[in-house]
Amino acid sequence: MQDDEPLEEWARRRAERQAASMGKRRAVSLGTGPHRGAHVDPGAPRAIEEWTGTEWQVIGLVENLAAAQSLLYPPPAERAKPAEWDRPAMGKGRGRHRKPTSAEERDQ
């Protein structure tokens, strides 16, 4: 933060940061002991939490790490491939982008 920054500017930037982070989700292990990395005890149930802008709110429970990952990181939707269009057949000739014929082929 700058020393001479007006309070209104700081409040506006803070509100923008909070709004941008709202709706983010995380999985918290419900295993015994202190909270550790997500990879520790992958069979333990997980609580799915969502950031409200001021606190993490529990929105659901899943049975293990794999279920939490599939919920938090769904596979991207497959794009439908466009239908192939009928390309016109290339006629004879040496169009601008066509490979020139060799001298042997021209003589025949």
PDB file of N, CA and C in Angstrom:
ATOM      1  N   MET A   1       0.840  -1.176   0.000  1.00  0.00           N
ATOM      2  CA  MET A   1       0.000   0.000   0.000  1.00  0.00           C
ATOM      3  C   MET A   1       0.884   1.238   0.000  1.00  0.00           C
ATOM      4  N   GLN A   2       0.508   2.202  -0.776  1.00  0.00           N
ATOM      5  CA  GLN A   2       1.263   3.444  -0.811  1.00  0.00           C
ATOM      6  C   GLN A   2       0.904   4.281   0.415  1.00  0.00           C
ATOM      7  N   ASP A   3       1.850   5.109   0.875  1.00  0.00           N
ATOM      8  CA  ASP A   3       1.605   5.935   2.064  1.00  0.00           C
ATOM      9  C   ASP A   3       0.585   7.037   1.797  1.00  0.00           C
ATOM     10  N   ASP A   4       0.570   7.543   0.569  1.00  0.00           N
ATOM     11  CA  ASP A   4      -0.329   8.654   0.268  1.00  0.00           C
ATOM     12  C   ASP A   4      -1.602   8.198  -0.451  1.00  0.00           C
ATOM     13  N   GLU A   5      -1.902   6.924  -0.437  1.00  0.00           N
ATOM     14  CA  GLU A   5      -3.090   6.401  -1.116  1.00  0.00           C
ATOM     15  C   GLU A   5      -4.341   6.746  -0.304  1.00  0.00           C
ATOM     16  N   PRO A   6      -5.361   7.284  -0.955  1.00  0.00           N
ATOM     17  CA  PRO A   6      -6.605   7.593  -0.236  1.00  0.00           C
ATOM     18  C   PRO A   6      -7.285   6.308   0.254  1.00  0.00           C
ATOM     19  N   LEU A   7      -7.965   6.407   1.354  1.00  0.00           N
ATOM     20  CA  LEU A   7      -8.650   5.270   1.942  1.00  0.00           C
ATOM     21  C   LEU A   7      -9.688   4.683   0.980  1.00  0.00           C
ATOM     22  N   GLU A   8     -10.343   5.531   0.205  1.00  0.00           N
ATOM     23  CA  GLU A   8     -11.364   5.056  -0.737  1.00  0.00           C
ATOM     24  C   GLU A   8     -10.756   4.145  -1.802  1.00  0.00           C
ATOM     25  N   GLU A   9      -9.551   4.493  -2.282  1.00  0.00           N
ATOM     26  CA  GLU A   9      -8.876   3.666  -3.284  1.00  0.00           C
ATOM     27  C   GLU A   9      -8.495   2.313  -2.701  1.00  0.00           C
ATOM     28  N   TRP A  10      -7.972   2.318  -1.476  1.00  0.00           N
ATOM     29  CA  TRP A  10      -7.605   1.076  -0.825  1.00  0.00           C
ATOM     30  C   TRP A  10      -8.837   0.190  -0.623  1.00  0.00           C
ATOM     31  N   ALA A  11      -9.941   0.780  -0.179  1.00  0.00           N
ATOM     32  CA  ALA A  11     -11.178   0.030   0.053  1.00  0.00           C
ATOM     33  C   ALA A  11     -11.723  -0.541  -1.256  1.00  0.00           C
ATOM     34  N   ARG A  12     -11.614   0.221  -2.337  1.00  0.00           N
ATOM     35  CA  ARG A  12     -12.092  -0.251  -3.639  1.00  0.00           C
ATOM     36  C   ARG A  12     -11.268  -1.447  -4.100  1.00  0.00           C
ATOM     37  N   ARG A  13      -9.934  -1.362  -3.986  1.00  0.00           N
ATOM     38  CA  ARG A  13      -9.070  -2.474  -4.398  1.00  0.00           C
ATOM     39  C   ARG A  13      -9.320  -3.713  -3.535  1.00  0.00           C
ATOM     40  N   ARG A  14      -9.525  -3.505  -2.229  1.00  0.00           N
ATOM     41  CA  ARG A  14      -9.804  -4.622  -1.326  1.00  0.00           C
ATOM     42  C   ARG A  14     -11.116  -5.302  -1.694  1.00  0.00           C
ATOM     43  N   ALA A  15     -12.142  -4.517  -1.991  1.00  0.00           N
ATOM     44  CA  ALA A  15     -13.444  -5.079  -2.381  1.00  0.00           C
ATOM     45  C   ALA A  15     -13.332  -5.852  -3.694  1.00  0.00           C
ATOM     46  N   GLU A  16     -12.525  -5.351  -4.635  1.00  0.00           N
ATOM     47  CA  GLU A  16     -12.328  -6.063  -5.905  1.00  0.00           C
ATOM     48  C   GLU A  16     -11.636  -7.403  -5.679  1.00  0.00           C
ATOM     49  N   ARG A  17     -10.613  -7.429  -4.807  1.00  0.00           N
ATOM     50  CA  ARG A  17      -9.923  -8.683  -4.491  1.00  0.00           C
ATOM     51  C   ARG A  17     -10.863  -9.684  -3.840  1.00  0.00           C
ATOM     52  N   GLN A  18     -11.678  -9.210  -2.911  1.00  0.00           N
ATOM     53  CA  GLN A  18     -12.618 -10.105  -2.240  1.00  0.00           C
ATOM     54  C   GLN A  18     -13.661 -10.641  -3.221  1.00  0.00           C
ATOM     55  N   ALA A  19     -14.157  -9.791  -4.100  1.00  0.00           N
ATOM     56  CA  ALA A  19     -15.154 -10.229  -5.080  1.00  0.00           C
ATOM     57  C   ALA A  19     -14.557 -11.249  -6.040  1.00  0.00           C
ATOM     58  N   ALA A  20     -13.292 -11.064  -6.409  1.00  0.00           N
ATOM     59  CA  ALA A  20     -12.641 -11.995  -7.330  1.00  0.00           C
ATOM     60  C   ALA A  20     -12.423 -13.356  -6.687  1.00  0.00           C
ATOM     61  N   SER A  21     -12.217 -13.390  -5.380  1.00  0.00           N
ATOM     62  CA  SER A  21     -11.955 -14.660  -4.711  1.00  0.00           C
ATOM     63  C   SER A  21     -13.233 -15.363  -4.258  1.00  0.00           C
ATOM     64  N   MET A  22     -14.374 -14.720  -4.297  1.00  0.00           N
ATOM     65  CA  MET A  22     -15.624 -15.349  -3.863  1.00  0.00           C
ATOM     66  C   MET A  22     -15.955 -16.532  -4.767  1.00  0.00           C
ATOM     67  N   GLY A  23     -16.428 -17.583  -4.148  1.00  0.00           N
ATOM     68  CA  GLY A  23     -16.815 -18.766  -4.895  1.00  0.00           C
ATOM     69  C   GLY A  23     -15.702 -19.777  -5.075  1.00  0.00           C
ATOM     70  N   LYS A  24     -14.489 -19.458  -4.645  1.00  0.00           N
ATOM     71  CA  LYS A  24     -13.398 -20.429  -4.738  1.00  0.00           C
ATOM     72  C   LYS A  24     -13.685 -21.564  -3.771  1.00  0.00           C
ATOM     73  N   ARG A  25     -13.291 -22.764  -4.160  1.00  0.00           N
ATOM     74  CA  ARG A  25     -13.567 -23.940  -3.336  1.00  0.00           C
ATOM     75  C   ARG A  25     -12.278 -24.654  -2.962  1.00  0.00           C
ATOM     76  N   ARG A  26     -12.333 -25.376  -1.836  1.00  0.00           N
ATOM     77  CA  ARG A  26     -11.195 -26.176  -1.390  1.00  0.00           C
ATOM     78  C   ARG A  26     -11.725 -27.411  -0.661  1.00  0.00           C
ATOM     79  N   ALA A  27     -10.871 -28.407  -0.558  1.00  0.00           N
ATOM     80  CA  ALA A  27     -11.204 -29.628   0.169  1.00  0.00           C
ATOM     81  C   ALA A  27     -10.344 -29.686   1.417  1.00  0.00           C
ATOM     82  N   VAL A  28     -10.966 -29.934   2.561  1.00  0.00           N
ATOM     83  CA  VAL A  28     -10.261 -30.017   3.835  1.00  0.00           C
ATOM     84  C   VAL A  28     -10.428 -31.433   4.370  1.00  0.00           C
ATOM     85  N   SER A  29      -9.329 -32.069   4.705  1.00  0.00           N
ATOM     86  CA  SER A  29      -9.351 -33.434   5.221  1.00  0.00           C
ATOM     87  C   SER A  29     -10.004 -33.475   6.599  1.00  0.00           C
ATOM     88  N   LEU A  30     -10.849 -34.484   6.803  1.00  0.00           N
ATOM     89  CA  LEU A  30     -11.490 -34.664   8.104  1.00  0.00           C
ATOM     90  C   LEU A  30     -10.821 -35.784   8.897  1.00  0.00           C
ATOM     91  N   GLY A  31      -9.601 -36.138   8.504  1.00  0.00           N
ATOM     92  CA  GLY A  31      -8.841 -37.170   9.211  1.00  0.00           C
ATOM     93  C   GLY A  31      -8.390 -36.679  10.567  1.00  0.00           C
ATOM     94  N   THR A  32      -7.834 -37.596  11.347  1.00  0.00           N
ATOM     95  CA  THR A  32      -7.351 -37.234  12.678  1.00  0.00           C
ATOM     96  C   THR A  32      -6.017 -36.517  12.576  1.00  0.00           C
ATOM     97  N   GLY A  33      -5.719 -35.727  13.565  1.00  0.00           N
ATOM     98  CA  GLY A  33      -4.443 -35.025  13.617  1.00  0.00           C
ATOM     99  C   GLY A  33      -4.531 -33.640  12.995  1.00  0.00           C
ATOM    100  N   PRO A  34      -3.373 -32.955  12.949  1.00  0.00           N
ATOM    101  CA  PRO A  34      -3.362 -31.595  12.394  1.00  0.00           C
ATOM    102  C   PRO A  34      -3.600 -31.608  10.880  1.00  0.00           C
ATOM    103  N   HIS A  35      -4.043 -30.472  10.369  1.00  0.00           N
ATOM    104  CA  HIS A  35      -4.246 -30.351   8.921  1.00  0.00           C
ATOM    105  C   HIS A  35      -2.894 -30.400   8.234  1.00  0.00           C
ATOM    106  N   ARG A  36      -2.796 -31.282   7.243  1.00  0.00           N
ATOM    107  CA  ARG A  36      -1.550 -31.436   6.492  1.00  0.00           C
ATOM    108  C   ARG A  36      -1.876 -31.363   5.020  1.00  0.00           C
ATOM    109  N   GLY A  37      -0.930 -31.735   4.198  1.00  0.00           N
ATOM    110  CA  GLY A  37      -1.129 -31.697   2.761  1.00  0.00           C
ATOM    111  C   GLY A  37      -2.295 -32.571   2.323  1.00  0.00           C
ATOM    112  N   ALA A  38      -2.894 -32.238   1.207  1.00  0.00           N
ATOM    113  CA  ALA A  38      -4.054 -32.958   0.704  1.00  0.00           C
ATOM    114  C   ALA A  38      -3.727 -34.407   0.370  1.00  0.00           C
ATOM    115  N   HIS A  39      -2.485 -34.685   0.018  1.00  0.00           N
ATOM    116  CA  HIS A  39      -2.093 -36.035  -0.368  1.00  0.00           C
ATOM    117  C   HIS A  39      -1.950 -36.986   0.821  1.00  0.00           C
ATOM    118  N   VAL A  40      -1.863 -36.435   2.033  1.00  0.00           N
ATOM    119  CA  VAL A  40      -1.716 -37.261   3.226  1.00  0.00           C
ATOM    120  C   VAL A  40      -3.080 -37.866   3.562  1.00  0.00           C
ATOM    121  N   ASP A  41      -3.119 -39.154   3.757  1.00  0.00           N
ATOM    122  CA  ASP A  41      -4.342 -39.894   4.079  1.00  0.00           C
ATOM    123  C   ASP A  41      -5.417 -39.689   3.000  1.00  0.00           C
ATOM    124  N   PRO A  42      -5.162 -40.177   1.780  1.00  0.00           N
ATOM    125  CA  PRO A  42      -6.104 -39.971   0.682  1.00  0.00           C
ATOM    126  C   PRO A  42      -7.443 -40.670   0.875  1.00  0.00           C
ATOM    127  N   GLY A  43      -7.539 -41.626   1.800  1.00  0.00           N
ATOM    128  CA  GLY A  43      -8.793 -42.325   2.035  1.00  0.00           C
ATOM    129  C   GLY A  43      -9.712 -41.624   3.021  1.00  0.00           C
ATOM    130  N   ALA A  44      -9.236 -40.577   3.683  1.00  0.00           N
ATOM    131  CA  ALA A  44     -10.038 -39.868   4.678  1.00  0.00           C
ATOM    132  C   ALA A  44     -11.122 -39.037   3.990  1.00  0.00           C
ATOM    133  N   PRO A  45     -12.270 -38.877   4.649  1.00  0.00           N
ATOM    134  CA  PRO A  45     -13.321 -38.033   4.065  1.00  0.00           C
ATOM    135  C   PRO A  45     -12.871 -36.578   4.017  1.00  0.00           C
ATOM    136  N   ARG A  46     -13.473 -35.833   3.115  1.00  0.00           N
ATOM    137  CA  ARG A  46     -13.125 -34.423   2.931  1.00  0.00           C
ATOM    138  C   ARG A  46     -14.376 -33.552   3.030  1.00  0.00           C
ATOM    139  N   ALA A  47     -14.202 -32.362   3.589  1.00  0.00           N
ATOM    140  CA  ALA A  47     -15.250 -31.347   3.586  1.00  0.00           C
ATOM    141  C   ALA A  47     -14.945 -30.402   2.427  1.00  0.00           C
ATOM    142  N   ILE A  48     -15.925 -30.114   1.613  1.00  0.00           N
ATOM    143  CA  ILE A  48     -15.764 -29.153   0.524  1.00  0.00           C
ATOM    144  C   ILE A  48     -16.242 -27.803   1.044  1.00  0.00           C
ATOM    145  N   GLU A  49     -15.343 -26.824   0.985  1.00  0.00           N
ATOM    146  CA  GLU A  49     -15.659 -25.485   1.491  1.00  0.00           C
ATOM    147  C   GLU A  49     -15.598 -24.469   0.366  1.00  0.00           C
ATOM    148  N   GLU A  50     -16.419 -23.419   0.512  1.00  0.00           N
ATOM    149  CA  GLU A  50     -16.468 -22.340  -0.479  1.00  0.00           C
ATOM    150  C   GLU A  50     -16.240 -21.014   0.239  1.00  0.00           C
ATOM    151  N   TRP A  51     -15.441 -20.138  -0.372  1.00  0.00           N
ATOM    152  CA  TRP A  51     -15.115 -18.842   0.213  1.00  0.00           C
ATOM    153  C   TRP A  51     -16.257 -17.873  -0.053  1.00  0.00           C
ATOM    154  N   THR A  52     -16.790 -17.255   1.007  1.00  0.00           N
ATOM    155  CA  THR A  52     -17.918 -16.323   0.879  1.00  0.00           C
ATOM    156  C   THR A  52     -17.464 -14.876   0.782  1.00  0.00           C
ATOM    157  N   GLY A  53     -16.182 -14.650   0.885  1.00  0.00           N
ATOM    158  CA  GLY A  53     -15.656 -13.290   0.882  1.00  0.00           C
ATOM    159  C   GLY A  53     -15.120 -12.909   2.245  1.00  0.00           C
ATOM    160  N   THR A  54     -15.632 -13.572   3.280  1.00  0.00           N
ATOM    161  CA  THR A  54     -15.166 -13.303   4.635  1.00  0.00           C
ATOM    162  C   THR A  54     -14.794 -14.565   5.385  1.00  0.00           C
ATOM    163  N   GLU A  55     -15.343 -15.740   4.956  1.00  0.00           N
ATOM    164  CA  GLU A  55     -15.051 -16.989   5.657  1.00  0.00           C
ATOM    165  C   GLU A  55     -15.276 -18.172   4.727  1.00  0.00           C
ATOM    166  N   TRP A  56     -14.734 -19.334   5.125  1.00  0.00           N
ATOM    167  CA  TRP A  56     -14.949 -20.577   4.384  1.00  0.00           C
ATOM    168  C   TRP A  56     -16.210 -21.223   4.930  1.00  0.00           C
ATOM    169  N   GLN A  57     -17.144 -21.570   4.033  1.00  0.00           N
ATOM    170  CA  GLN A  57     -18.398 -22.184   4.429  1.00  0.00           C
ATOM    171  C   GLN A  57     -18.462 -23.600   3.857  1.00  0.00           C
ATOM    172  N   VAL A  58     -18.817 -24.583   4.683  1.00  0.00           N
ATOM    173  CA  VAL A  58     -18.919 -25.972   4.238  1.00  0.00           C
ATOM    174  C   VAL A  58     -20.144 -26.105   3.342  1.00  0.00           C
ATOM    175  N   ILE A  59     -19.925 -26.673   2.140  1.00  0.00           N
ATOM    176  CA  ILE A  59     -21.045 -26.868   1.213  1.00  0.00           C
ATOM    177  C   ILE A  59     -21.309 -28.335   0.926  1.00  0.00           C
ATOM    178  N   GLY A  60     -20.423 -29.227   1.397  1.00  0.00           N
ATOM    179  CA  GLY A  60     -20.657 -30.645   1.174  1.00  0.00           C
ATOM    180  C   GLY A  60     -19.549 -31.505   1.732  1.00  0.00           C
ATOM    181  N   LEU A  61     -19.804 -32.813   1.727  1.00  0.00           N
ATOM    182  CA  LEU A  61     -18.830 -33.791   2.177  1.00  0.00           C
ATOM    183  C   LEU A  61     -18.647 -34.830   1.091  1.00  0.00           C
ATOM    184  N   VAL A  62     -17.416 -35.327   0.941  1.00  0.00           N
ATOM    185  CA  VAL A  62     -17.115 -36.400  -0.014  1.00  0.00           C
ATOM    186  C   VAL A  62     -16.328 -37.468   0.717  1.00  0.00           C
ATOM    187  N   GLU A  63     -16.300 -38.682   0.139  1.00  0.00           N
ATOM    188  CA  GLU A  63     -15.725 -39.825   0.851  1.00  0.00           C
ATOM    189  C   GLU A  63     -14.206 -39.898   0.840  1.00  0.00           C
ATOM    190  N   ASN A  64     -13.514 -39.307  -0.156  1.00  0.00           N
ATOM    191  CA  ASN A  64     -12.052 -39.411  -0.190  1.00  0.00           C
ATOM    192  C   ASN A  64     -11.448 -38.331  -1.083  1.00  0.00           C
ATOM    193  N   LEU A  65     -10.123 -38.369  -1.221  1.00  0.00           N
ATOM    194  CA  LEU A  65      -9.409 -37.365  -2.001  1.00  0.00           C
ATOM    195  C   LEU A  65      -9.798 -37.408  -3.482  1.00  0.00           C
ATOM    196  N   ALA A  66      -9.944 -38.614  -4.024  1.00  0.00           N
ATOM    197  CA  ALA A  66     -10.286 -38.729  -5.450  1.00  0.00           C
ATOM    198  C   ALA A  66     -11.642 -38.089  -5.742  1.00  0.00           C
ATOM    199  N   ALA A  67     -12.607 -38.293  -4.869  1.00  0.00           N
ATOM    200  CA  ALA A  67     -13.933 -37.688  -5.064  1.00  0.00           C
ATOM    201  C   ALA A  67     -13.851 -36.164  -4.945  1.00  0.00           C
ATOM    202  N   ALA A  68     -13.027 -35.684  -4.018  1.00  0.00           N
ATOM    203  CA  ALA A  68     -12.861 -34.231  -3.859  1.00  0.00           C
ATOM    204  C   ALA A  68     -12.220 -33.626  -5.094  1.00  0.00           C
ATOM    205  N   GLN A  69     -11.205 -34.287  -5.643  1.00  0.00           N
ATOM    206  CA  GLN A  69     -10.541 -33.764  -6.832  1.00  0.00           C
ATOM    207  C   GLN A  69     -11.477 -33.758  -8.031  1.00  0.00           C
ATOM    208  N   SER A  70     -12.307 -34.790  -8.168  1.00  0.00           N
ATOM    209  CA  SER A  70     -13.230 -34.819  -9.305  1.00  0.00           C
ATOM    210  C   SER A  70     -14.284 -33.735  -9.171  1.00  0.00           C
ATOM    211  N   LEU A  71     -14.626 -33.347  -7.956  1.00  0.00           N
ATOM    212  CA  LEU A  71     -15.595 -32.277  -7.745  1.00  0.00           C
ATOM    213  C   LEU A  71     -14.965 -30.902  -7.956  1.00  0.00           C
ATOM    214  N   LEU A  72     -13.738 -30.729  -7.445  1.00  0.00           N
ATOM    215  CA  LEU A  72     -13.080 -29.418  -7.542  1.00  0.00           C
ATOM    216  C   LEU A  72     -12.495 -29.158  -8.927  1.00  0.00           C
ATOM    217  N   TYR A  73     -12.046 -30.207  -9.600  1.00  0.00           N
ATOM    218  CA  TYR A  73     -11.384 -30.060 -10.889  1.00  0.00           C
ATOM    219  C   TYR A  73     -12.055 -30.962 -11.930  1.00  0.00           C
ATOM    220  N   PRO A  74     -13.273 -30.635 -12.357  1.00  0.00           N
ATOM    221  CA  PRO A  74     -13.942 -31.494 -13.341  1.00  0.00           C
ATOM    222  C   PRO A  74     -13.196 -31.466 -14.666  1.00  0.00           C
ATOM    223  N   PRO A  75     -13.281 -32.556 -15.443  1.00  0.00           N
ATOM    224  CA  PRO A  75     -12.595 -32.569 -16.739  1.00  0.00           C
ATOM    225  C   PRO A  75     -13.217 -31.526 -17.663  1.00  0.00           C
ATOM    226  N   PRO A  76     -12.411 -30.912 -18.517  1.00  0.00           N
ATOM    227  CA  PRO A  76     -12.964 -29.889 -19.424  1.00  0.00           C
ATOM    228  C   PRO A  76     -13.947 -30.524 -20.398  1.00  0.00           C
ATOM    229  N   ALA A  77     -14.953 -29.755 -20.755  1.00  0.00           N
ATOM    230  CA  ALA A  77     -15.954 -30.244 -21.703  1.00  0.00           C
ATOM    231  C   ALA A  77     -15.302 -30.438 -23.073  1.00  0.00           C
ATOM    232  N   GLU A  78     -15.669 -31.527 -23.726  1.00  0.00           N
ATOM    233  CA  GLU A  78     -15.109 -31.791 -25.044  1.00  0.00           C
ATOM    234  C   GLU A  78     -15.798 -30.898 -26.071  1.00  0.00           C
ATOM    235  N   ARG A  79     -14.996 -30.319 -26.910  1.00  0.00           N
ATOM    236  CA  ARG A  79     -15.552 -29.464 -27.955  1.00  0.00           C
ATOM    237  C   ARG A  79     -16.038 -30.325 -29.105  1.00  0.00           C
ATOM    238  N   ALA A  80     -17.182 -29.964 -29.620  1.00  0.00           N
ATOM    239  CA  ALA A  80     -17.713 -30.698 -30.764  1.00  0.00           C
ATOM    240  C   ALA A  80     -16.911 -30.313 -32.001  1.00  0.00           C
ATOM    241  N   LYS A  81     -16.499 -31.315 -32.741  1.00  0.00           N
ATOM    242  CA  LYS A  81     -15.732 -31.040 -33.945  1.00  0.00           C
ATOM    243  C   LYS A  81     -16.673 -30.553 -35.036  1.00  0.00           C
ATOM    244  N   PRO A  82     -16.273 -29.522 -35.764  1.00  0.00           N
ATOM    245  CA  PRO A  82     -17.145 -29.043 -36.835  1.00  0.00           C
ATOM    246  C   PRO A  82     -17.246 -30.099 -37.937  1.00  0.00           C
ATOM    247  N   ALA A  83     -18.397 -30.122 -38.560  1.00  0.00           N
ATOM    248  CA  ALA A  83     -18.609 -31.083 -39.648  1.00  0.00           C
ATOM    249  C   ALA A  83     -17.669 -30.747 -40.802  1.00  0.00           C
ATOM    250  N   GLU A  84     -17.167 -31.770 -41.436  1.00  0.00           N
ATOM    251  CA  GLU A  84     -16.284 -31.555 -42.587  1.00  0.00           C
ATOM    252  C   GLU A  84     -17.093 -30.998 -43.743  1.00  0.00           C
ATOM    253  N   TRP A  85     -16.566 -30.031 -44.383  1.00  0.00           N
ATOM    254  CA  TRP A  85     -17.260 -29.473 -45.540  1.00  0.00           C
ATOM    255  C   TRP A  85     -16.669 -30.068 -46.795  1.00  0.00           C
ATOM    256  N   ASP A  86     -17.452 -30.114 -47.835  1.00  0.00           N
ATOM    257  CA  ASP A  86     -16.990 -30.676 -49.098  1.00  0.00           C
ATOM    258  C   ASP A  86     -16.082 -29.678 -49.782  1.00  0.00           C
ATOM    259  N   ARG A  87     -14.847 -30.067 -49.879  1.00  0.00           N
ATOM    260  CA  ARG A  87     -13.876 -29.196 -50.532  1.00  0.00           C
ATOM    261  C   ARG A  87     -13.934 -29.454 -52.029  1.00  0.00           C
ATOM    262  N   PRO A  88     -13.870 -28.417 -52.806  1.00  0.00           N
ATOM    263  CA  PRO A  88     -13.864 -28.637 -54.247  1.00  0.00           C
ATOM    264  C   PRO A  88     -12.578 -29.340 -54.685  1.00  0.00           C
ATOM    265  N   ALA A  89     -12.695 -30.184 -55.674  1.00  0.00           N
ATOM    266  CA  ALA A  89     -11.527 -30.898 -56.177  1.00  0.00           C
ATOM    267  C   ALA A  89     -10.577 -29.897 -56.824  1.00  0.00           C
ATOM    268  N   MET A  90      -9.300 -30.142 -56.639  1.00  0.00           N
ATOM    269  CA  MET A  90      -8.316 -29.246 -57.238  1.00  0.00           C
ATOM    270  C   MET A  90      -8.170 -29.595 -58.712  1.00  0.00           C
ATOM    271  N   GLY A  91      -8.330 -28.624 -59.531  1.00  0.00           N
ATOM    272  CA  GLY A  91      -8.212 -28.841 -60.964  1.00  0.00           C
ATOM    273  C   GLY A  91      -6.762 -28.858 -61.406  1.00  0.00           C
ATOM    274  N   LYS A  92      -6.569 -29.066 -62.689  1.00  0.00           N
ATOM    275  CA  LYS A  92      -5.216 -29.067 -63.235  1.00  0.00           C
ATOM    276  C   LYS A  92      -4.685 -27.651 -63.274  1.00  0.00           C
ATOM    277  N   GLY A  93      -3.425 -27.569 -63.259  1.00  0.00           N
ATOM    278  CA  GLY A  93      -2.814 -26.252 -63.371  1.00  0.00           C
ATOM    279  C   GLY A  93      -1.825 -26.017 -62.257  1.00  0.00           C
ATOM    280  N   ARG A  94      -1.153 -24.906 -62.383  1.00  0.00           N
ATOM    281  CA  ARG A  94      -0.154 -24.547 -61.388  1.00  0.00           C
ATOM    282  C   ARG A  94      -0.655 -23.347 -60.614  1.00  0.00           C
ATOM    283  N   GLY A  95      -1.580 -23.552 -59.744  1.00  0.00           N
ATOM    284  CA  GLY A  95      -2.090 -22.444 -58.943  1.00  0.00           C
ATOM    285  C   GLY A  95      -0.977 -21.787 -58.149  1.00  0.00           C
ATOM    286  N   ARG A  96      -1.275 -20.690 -57.592  1.00  0.00           N
ATOM    287  CA  ARG A  96      -0.267 -19.903 -56.902  1.00  0.00           C
ATOM    288  C   ARG A  96       0.436 -20.705 -55.807  1.00  0.00           C
ATOM    289  N   HIS A  97      -0.280 -21.548 -55.065  1.00  0.00           N
ATOM    290  CA  HIS A  97       0.322 -22.267 -53.952  1.00  0.00           C
ATOM    291  C   HIS A  97       0.584 -23.737 -54.270  1.00  0.00           C
ATOM    292  N   ARG A  98       0.470 -24.124 -55.495  1.00  0.00           N
ATOM    293  CA  ARG A  98       0.693 -25.523 -55.839  1.00  0.00           C
ATOM    294  C   ARG A  98       2.161 -25.754 -56.148  1.00  0.00           C
ATOM    295  N   LYS A  99       2.563 -26.966 -55.893  1.00  0.00           N
ATOM    296  CA  LYS A  99       3.948 -27.342 -56.154  1.00  0.00           C
ATOM    297  C   LYS A  99       4.155 -27.377 -57.657  1.00  0.00           C
ATOM    298  N   PRO A 100       5.181 -26.712 -58.169  1.00  0.00           N
ATOM    299  CA  PRO A 100       5.412 -26.739 -59.615  1.00  0.00           C
ATOM    300  C   PRO A 100       5.790 -28.139 -60.081  1.00  0.00           C
ATOM    301  N   THR A 101       5.362 -28.472 -61.243  1.00  0.00           N
ATOM    302  CA  THR A 101       5.685 -29.798 -61.792  1.00  0.00           C
ATOM    303  C   THR A 101       7.112 -29.808 -62.262  1.00  0.00           C
ATOM    304  N   SER A 102       7.716 -30.981 -62.240  1.00  0.00           N
ATOM    305  CA  SER A 102       9.100 -31.097 -62.684  1.00  0.00           C
ATOM    306  C   SER A 102       9.175 -31.029 -64.204  1.00  0.00           C
ATOM    307  N   ALA A 103      10.362 -30.791 -64.746  1.00  0.00           N
ATOM    308  CA  ALA A 103      10.538 -30.685 -66.197  1.00  0.00           C
ATOM    309  C   ALA A 103      10.200 -32.001 -66.881  1.00  0.00           C
ATOM    310  N   GLU A 104      10.502 -33.129 -66.268  1.00  0.00           N
ATOM    311  CA  GLU A 104      10.209 -34.434 -66.865  1.00  0.00           C
ATOM    312  C   GLU A 104       8.711 -34.626 -67.036  1.00  0.00           C
ATOM    313  N   GLU A 105       7.919 -34.232 -66.028  1.00  0.00           N
ATOM    314  CA  GLU A 105       6.485 -34.397 -66.106  1.00  0.00           C
ATOM    315  C   GLU A 105       5.879 -33.478 -67.161  1.00  0.00           C
ATOM    316  N   ARG A 106       6.449 -32.301 -67.351  1.00  0.00           N
ATOM    317  CA  ARG A 106       5.911 -31.365 -68.345  1.00  0.00           C
ATOM    318  C   ARG A 106       6.132 -31.867 -69.758  1.00  0.00           C
ATOM    319  N   ASP A 107       7.237 -32.574 -69.987  1.00  0.00           N
ATOM    320  CA  ASP A 107       7.549 -33.054 -71.342  1.00  0.00           C
ATOM    321  C   ASP A 107       6.675 -34.232 -71.729  1.00  0.00           C
ATOM    322  N   GLN A 108       6.125 -34.941 -70.828  1.00  0.00           N
ATOM    323  CA  GLN A 108       5.345 -36.142 -71.168  1.00  0.00           C
ATOM    324  C   GLN A 108       3.961 -35.836 -71.588  1.00  0.00           C
TER     325      GLN A 108
END
